[in-house]
Amino acid sequence: MERLKDKITVITGASSGIGAGIAELFAREGASVVVNYLKSRDRAEKVVEQIRKLGQRAIAVQADMSKQDDIDRLIQATMQEFGRIDVWVNNAGADILTGAGASAEVNKKLDQLLNVDLKGTMNACWSVSTVMQNQGHGVIVNMGWDMSIHGFEGINPQIFAASKAGVLGFTRSFAKTVGPEIRVNMVSPGWIATAFAQEHMDGVYYQARIKEIPLGRFGVPEDVAAAVVFLASDASSYISGEAIKINGGLV
């Protein structure tokens, strides 16, 4: 059964990892998808190609989610192509663990997280909610972190938790503001087998994390995508302001 048949969906940060997994599952569930990317145009186009092979419409749109003008342009491109926005998934996040981000000074990392993960999510929600309210319906799903409330030791977890705890508080407050026309929820992944876990985590650390997870494995992007599809579909029509942890029972 196609739970998202004919839904027009925007997924930010969808060129790889969890975002790409969400985009593909949305297409399998019948949605047309706007694949947002920051720099990885080639990877975004590959996601678009895969979605089209599944028989669904898709376009790739570059936009920096830390910039209001780019958010507006992403919305305008979607409206021009599809005429409405049924679902918006705020998946884009600053990378402070790999590449140049990994070696950045702490306050620069914090600025990136606040600008993309927190302010970017808030600005996108405020902007797209105008479109959704005008059309009389819409669903927004934000991306959190399972440890943002419970905590995890280390400087990177401190600043990541601070930004994602902000997203949680905003999500719950925003859901109370824009209902009943718009439902707003959040997914909070735990340890997911993305590029960082597969390429940058040493074996001892990996096995230590596995031992902490009751279900005995890291999650995969499809685990997160399944929860996002549920929250975007009519199966969750009486759920708003909630955060679902996808972490194998860790928290």
Protein backbone atom coordinates (compact mmCIF):
# COMPACT_ATOMS: atom_id res chain seq x y z
CA MET A 1 0.00 0.00 0.00
CA GLU A 2 1.33 3.45 -0.93
CA ARG A 3 0.87 5.48 2.23
CA LEU A 4 2.09 8.73 0.64
CA LYS A 5 0.52 8.41 -2.79
CA ASP A 6 0.67 11.71 -4.71
CA LYS A 7 2.17 13.61 -1.74
CA ILE A 8 4.62 16.38 -2.64
CA THR A 9 7.56 16.13 -0.27
CA VAL A 10 10.65 18.23 0.36
CA ILE A 11 13.55 16.52 2.13
CA THR A 12 16.48 18.71 3.12
CA GLY A 13 19.98 17.24 3.17
CA ALA A 14 18.84 14.32 1.03
CA SER A 15 21.89 13.61 -1.15
CA SER A 16 23.25 10.83 1.09
CA GLY A 17 22.88 8.92 4.33
CA ILE A 18 19.64 9.18 6.26
CA GLY A 19 18.24 11.85 3.93
CA ALA A 20 18.74 9.69 0.85
CA GLY A 21 17.15 6.75 2.65
CA ILE A 22 14.12 8.87 3.51
CA ALA A 23 13.84 10.14 -0.07
CA GLU A 24 13.87 6.63 -1.56
CA LEU A 25 11.32 5.23 0.89
CA PHE A 26 9.01 8.20 0.31
CA ALA A 27 9.17 7.46 -3.41
CA ARG A 28 8.38 3.78 -2.78
CA GLU A 29 5.36 4.95 -0.79
CA GLY A 30 4.09 6.98 -3.76
CA ALA A 31 5.42 10.47 -3.06
CA SER A 32 7.02 12.96 -5.44
CA VAL A 33 10.26 14.17 -3.91
CA VAL A 34 12.35 17.34 -3.91
CA VAL A 35 15.91 16.31 -3.05
CA ASN A 36 17.69 19.23 -1.40
CA TYR A 37 21.48 19.29 -1.25
CA LEU A 38 24.20 21.73 -0.20
CA LYS A 39 27.27 20.77 -2.27
CA SER A 40 26.87 17.19 -3.50
CA ARG A 41 25.01 17.76 -6.75
CA ASP A 42 26.15 14.49 -8.33
CA ARG A 43 24.95 12.44 -5.36
CA ALA A 44 21.66 14.34 -5.27
CA GLU A 45 21.10 13.65 -8.96
CA LYS A 46 21.73 9.94 -8.34
CA VAL A 47 19.01 9.97 -5.68
CA VAL A 48 16.69 11.72 -8.15
CA GLU A 49 17.53 9.11 -10.80
CA GLN A 50 16.70 6.29 -8.39
CA ILE A 51 13.37 7.89 -7.50
CA ARG A 52 12.46 8.27 -11.16
CA LYS A 53 13.26 4.59 -11.72
CA LEU A 54 10.61 3.88 -9.10
CA GLY A 55 8.11 5.75 -11.27
CA GLN A 56 7.89 8.91 -9.18
CA ARG A 57 8.65 12.54 -10.00
CA ALA A 58 11.73 14.12 -8.45
CA ILE A 59 13.97 17.15 -8.76
CA ALA A 60 17.21 18.20 -7.04
CA VAL A 61 17.45 21.72 -5.63
CA GLN A 62 20.57 23.25 -4.12
CA ALA A 63 20.00 25.33 -0.99
CA ASP A 64 21.99 26.19 2.13
CA MET A 65 19.55 25.70 4.99
CA SER A 66 21.41 28.19 7.15
CA LYS A 67 20.36 31.00 4.75
CA GLN A 68 16.83 32.36 4.65
CA ASP A 69 17.12 33.35 0.98
CA ASP A 70 18.04 29.78 0.08
CA ILE A 71 15.12 28.38 2.07
CA ASP A 72 12.78 30.73 0.22
CA ARG A 73 14.27 29.68 -3.11
CA LEU A 74 13.80 25.99 -2.24
CA ILE A 75 10.14 26.61 -1.46
CA GLN A 76 9.66 28.63 -4.64
CA ALA A 77 11.30 25.95 -6.80
CA THR A 78 9.01 23.30 -5.28
CA MET A 79 5.89 25.39 -5.78
CA GLN A 80 6.87 26.16 -9.36
CA GLU A 81 7.39 22.47 -10.15
CA PHE A 82 4.58 20.87 -8.15
CA GLY A 83 2.18 23.61 -7.04
CA ARG A 84 2.00 22.62 -3.38
CA ILE A 85 3.98 21.16 -0.47
CA ASP A 86 2.31 18.37 1.50
CA VAL A 87 5.27 17.19 3.58
CA TRP A 88 8.50 18.90 4.63
CA VAL A 89 11.33 16.93 6.30
CA ASN A 90 14.04 18.98 8.02
CA ASN A 91 16.88 16.48 7.77
CA ALA A 92 19.81 18.80 6.86
CA GLY A 93 22.46 19.10 9.52
CA ALA A 94 25.94 20.55 9.93
CA ASP A 95 28.76 18.00 9.66
CA ILE A 96 31.09 18.49 12.63
CA LEU A 97 32.42 14.92 12.62
CA THR A 98 34.07 14.45 9.21
CA GLY A 99 36.04 16.53 6.73
CA ALA A 100 36.84 20.14 7.59
CA GLY A 101 34.16 20.19 10.27
CA ALA A 102 35.97 17.62 12.38
CA SER A 103 39.02 19.82 12.90
CA ALA A 104 37.13 23.10 13.37
CA GLU A 105 37.39 25.02 16.63
CA VAL A 106 34.59 24.28 19.10
CA ASN A 107 32.85 27.63 18.80
CA LYS A 108 32.85 27.34 15.00
CA LYS A 109 31.28 23.89 15.30
CA LEU A 110 28.67 25.33 17.64
CA ASP A 111 27.89 28.16 15.24
CA GLN A 112 27.43 25.67 12.40
CA LEU A 113 25.08 23.50 14.44
CA LEU A 114 23.03 26.43 15.64
CA ASN A 115 22.83 27.99 12.17
CA VAL A 116 21.89 24.81 10.29
CA ASP A 117 20.31 22.35 12.72
CA LEU A 118 18.45 24.80 14.96
CA LYS A 119 17.94 28.11 13.14
CA GLY A 120 17.69 26.39 9.76
CA THR A 121 14.96 24.10 11.07
CA MET A 122 13.11 26.97 12.68
CA ASN A 123 13.31 29.24 9.63
CA ALA A 124 12.23 26.43 7.30
CA CYS A 125 9.26 25.63 9.54
CA TRP A 126 8.18 29.25 9.73
CA SER A 127 8.54 29.72 5.97
CA VAL A 128 6.86 26.55 4.73
CA SER A 129 4.05 26.81 7.28
CA THR A 130 2.75 29.86 5.41
CA VAL A 131 2.37 27.75 2.27
CA MET A 132 0.77 24.89 4.20
CA GLN A 133 -1.67 27.14 6.03
CA ASN A 134 -2.74 28.75 2.76
CA GLN A 135 -3.45 25.32 1.26
CA GLY A 136 -5.13 24.14 4.46
CA HIS A 137 -2.92 21.17 5.31
CA GLY A 138 0.65 19.99 5.79
CA VAL A 139 3.03 17.80 7.76
CA ILE A 140 6.48 18.72 9.03
CA VAL A 141 8.99 16.23 10.46
CA ASN A 142 12.11 17.54 12.18
CA MET A 143 15.34 15.66 12.92
CA GLY A 144 16.59 15.31 16.49
CA TRP A 145 18.99 13.13 18.49
CA ASP A 146 18.08 10.51 21.09
CA MET A 147 20.74 11.70 23.54
CA SER A 148 19.82 15.39 23.37
CA ILE A 149 17.87 15.14 26.63
CA HIS A 150 19.62 12.23 28.36
CA GLY A 151 23.17 13.36 27.53
CA PHE A 152 26.36 11.75 26.25
CA GLU A 153 29.90 12.60 27.35
CA GLY A 154 32.26 14.64 25.19
CA ILE A 155 32.49 18.13 23.73
CA ASN A 156 30.90 17.25 20.38
CA PRO A 157 27.92 15.58 22.08
CA GLN A 158 27.53 18.64 24.33
CA ILE A 159 27.10 21.07 21.48
CA PHE A 160 25.13 18.61 19.34
CA ALA A 161 22.76 17.93 22.23
CA ALA A 162 22.30 21.65 22.82
CA SER A 163 21.20 22.26 19.24
CA LYS A 164 18.92 19.20 19.04
CA ALA A 165 17.33 19.87 22.42
CA GLY A 166 16.46 23.27 20.97
CA VAL A 167 14.84 21.56 17.98
CA LEU A 168 12.79 19.39 20.35
CA GLY A 169 11.51 22.37 22.33
CA PHE A 170 10.73 24.28 19.16
CA THR A 171 8.94 21.31 17.59
CA ARG A 172 6.58 20.94 20.54
CA SER A 173 5.86 24.66 20.75
CA PHE A 174 5.43 25.04 16.98
CA ALA A 175 3.03 22.09 16.85
CA LYS A 176 0.78 23.92 19.32
CA THR A 177 0.98 27.05 17.17
CA VAL A 178 0.11 25.73 13.70
CA GLY A 179 -2.50 23.05 14.42
CA PRO A 180 -4.96 21.87 13.31
CA GLU A 181 -3.94 22.54 9.71
CA ILE A 182 -0.33 21.41 10.19
CA ARG A 183 1.07 18.49 12.17
CA VAL A 184 4.66 18.83 13.43
CA ASN A 185 6.67 15.94 14.85
CA MET A 186 10.27 14.84 15.28
CA VAL A 187 12.37 11.69 14.93
CA SER A 188 15.39 11.20 17.18
CA PRO A 189 17.86 8.65 15.79
CA GLY A 190 20.49 6.96 17.91
CA TRP A 191 23.47 5.10 16.48
CA ILE A 192 22.86 4.78 12.74
CA ALA A 193 25.23 3.08 10.27
CA THR A 194 26.04 6.17 8.22
CA ALA A 195 29.39 7.06 6.65
CA PHE A 196 30.76 8.31 9.97
CA ALA A 197 30.03 5.06 11.79
CA GLN A 198 31.34 2.93 8.95
CA GLU A 199 34.47 4.89 8.07
CA HIS A 200 35.56 6.83 11.16
CA MET A 201 34.59 4.73 14.19
CA ASP A 202 37.23 2.26 15.41
CA GLY A 203 36.24 -1.31 16.11
CA VAL A 204 36.61 -1.18 19.90
CA TYR A 205 34.40 1.90 20.19
CA TYR A 206 31.87 0.39 17.78
CA GLN A 207 31.59 -2.83 19.76
CA ALA A 208 31.23 -0.88 23.02
CA ARG A 209 28.25 0.97 21.56
CA ILE A 210 26.72 -2.28 20.29
CA LYS A 211 26.83 -3.74 23.81
CA GLU A 212 24.77 -0.79 25.07
CA ILE A 213 21.97 -1.29 22.53
CA PRO A 214 19.29 -3.80 23.61
CA LEU A 215 18.53 -4.79 19.99
CA GLY A 216 22.22 -5.54 19.42
CA ARG A 217 22.93 -3.53 16.28
CA PHE A 218 23.30 -0.07 14.82
CA GLY A 219 20.28 1.20 12.97
CA VAL A 220 20.28 1.80 9.22
CA PRO A 221 18.89 4.82 7.34
CA GLU A 222 15.82 2.78 6.42
CA ASP A 223 14.92 2.47 10.12
CA VAL A 224 14.75 6.24 10.41
CA ALA A 225 12.97 6.58 7.07
CA ALA A 226 10.23 4.19 8.18
CA ALA A 227 9.45 6.37 11.20
CA VAL A 228 9.40 9.52 9.07
CA VAL A 229 7.01 7.89 6.58
CA PHE A 230 4.71 6.93 9.46
CA LEU A 231 4.68 10.48 10.82
CA ALA A 232 4.07 11.91 7.34
CA SER A 233 1.18 9.54 6.58
CA ASP A 234 -2.45 9.50 7.62
CA ALA A 235 -1.61 6.58 9.93
CA SER A 236 -0.36 9.23 12.41
CA SER A 237 -3.18 11.71 11.82
CA TYR A 238 -3.74 12.18 15.58
CA ILE A 239 -0.07 12.63 16.48
CA SER A 240 1.56 16.06 16.75
CA GLY A 241 4.25 17.57 18.92
CA GLU A 242 5.85 14.16 19.52
CA ALA A 243 9.43 12.86 19.24
CA ILE A 244 10.02 9.21 18.32
CA LYS A 245 13.38 7.69 19.31
CA ILE A 246 14.87 5.25 16.78
CA ASN A 247 17.72 3.75 18.78
CA GLY A 248 17.16 0.03 19.35
CA GLY A 249 16.03 0.64 22.93
CA LEU A 250 19.24 2.46 23.99
CA VAL A 251 17.33 5.28 25.74
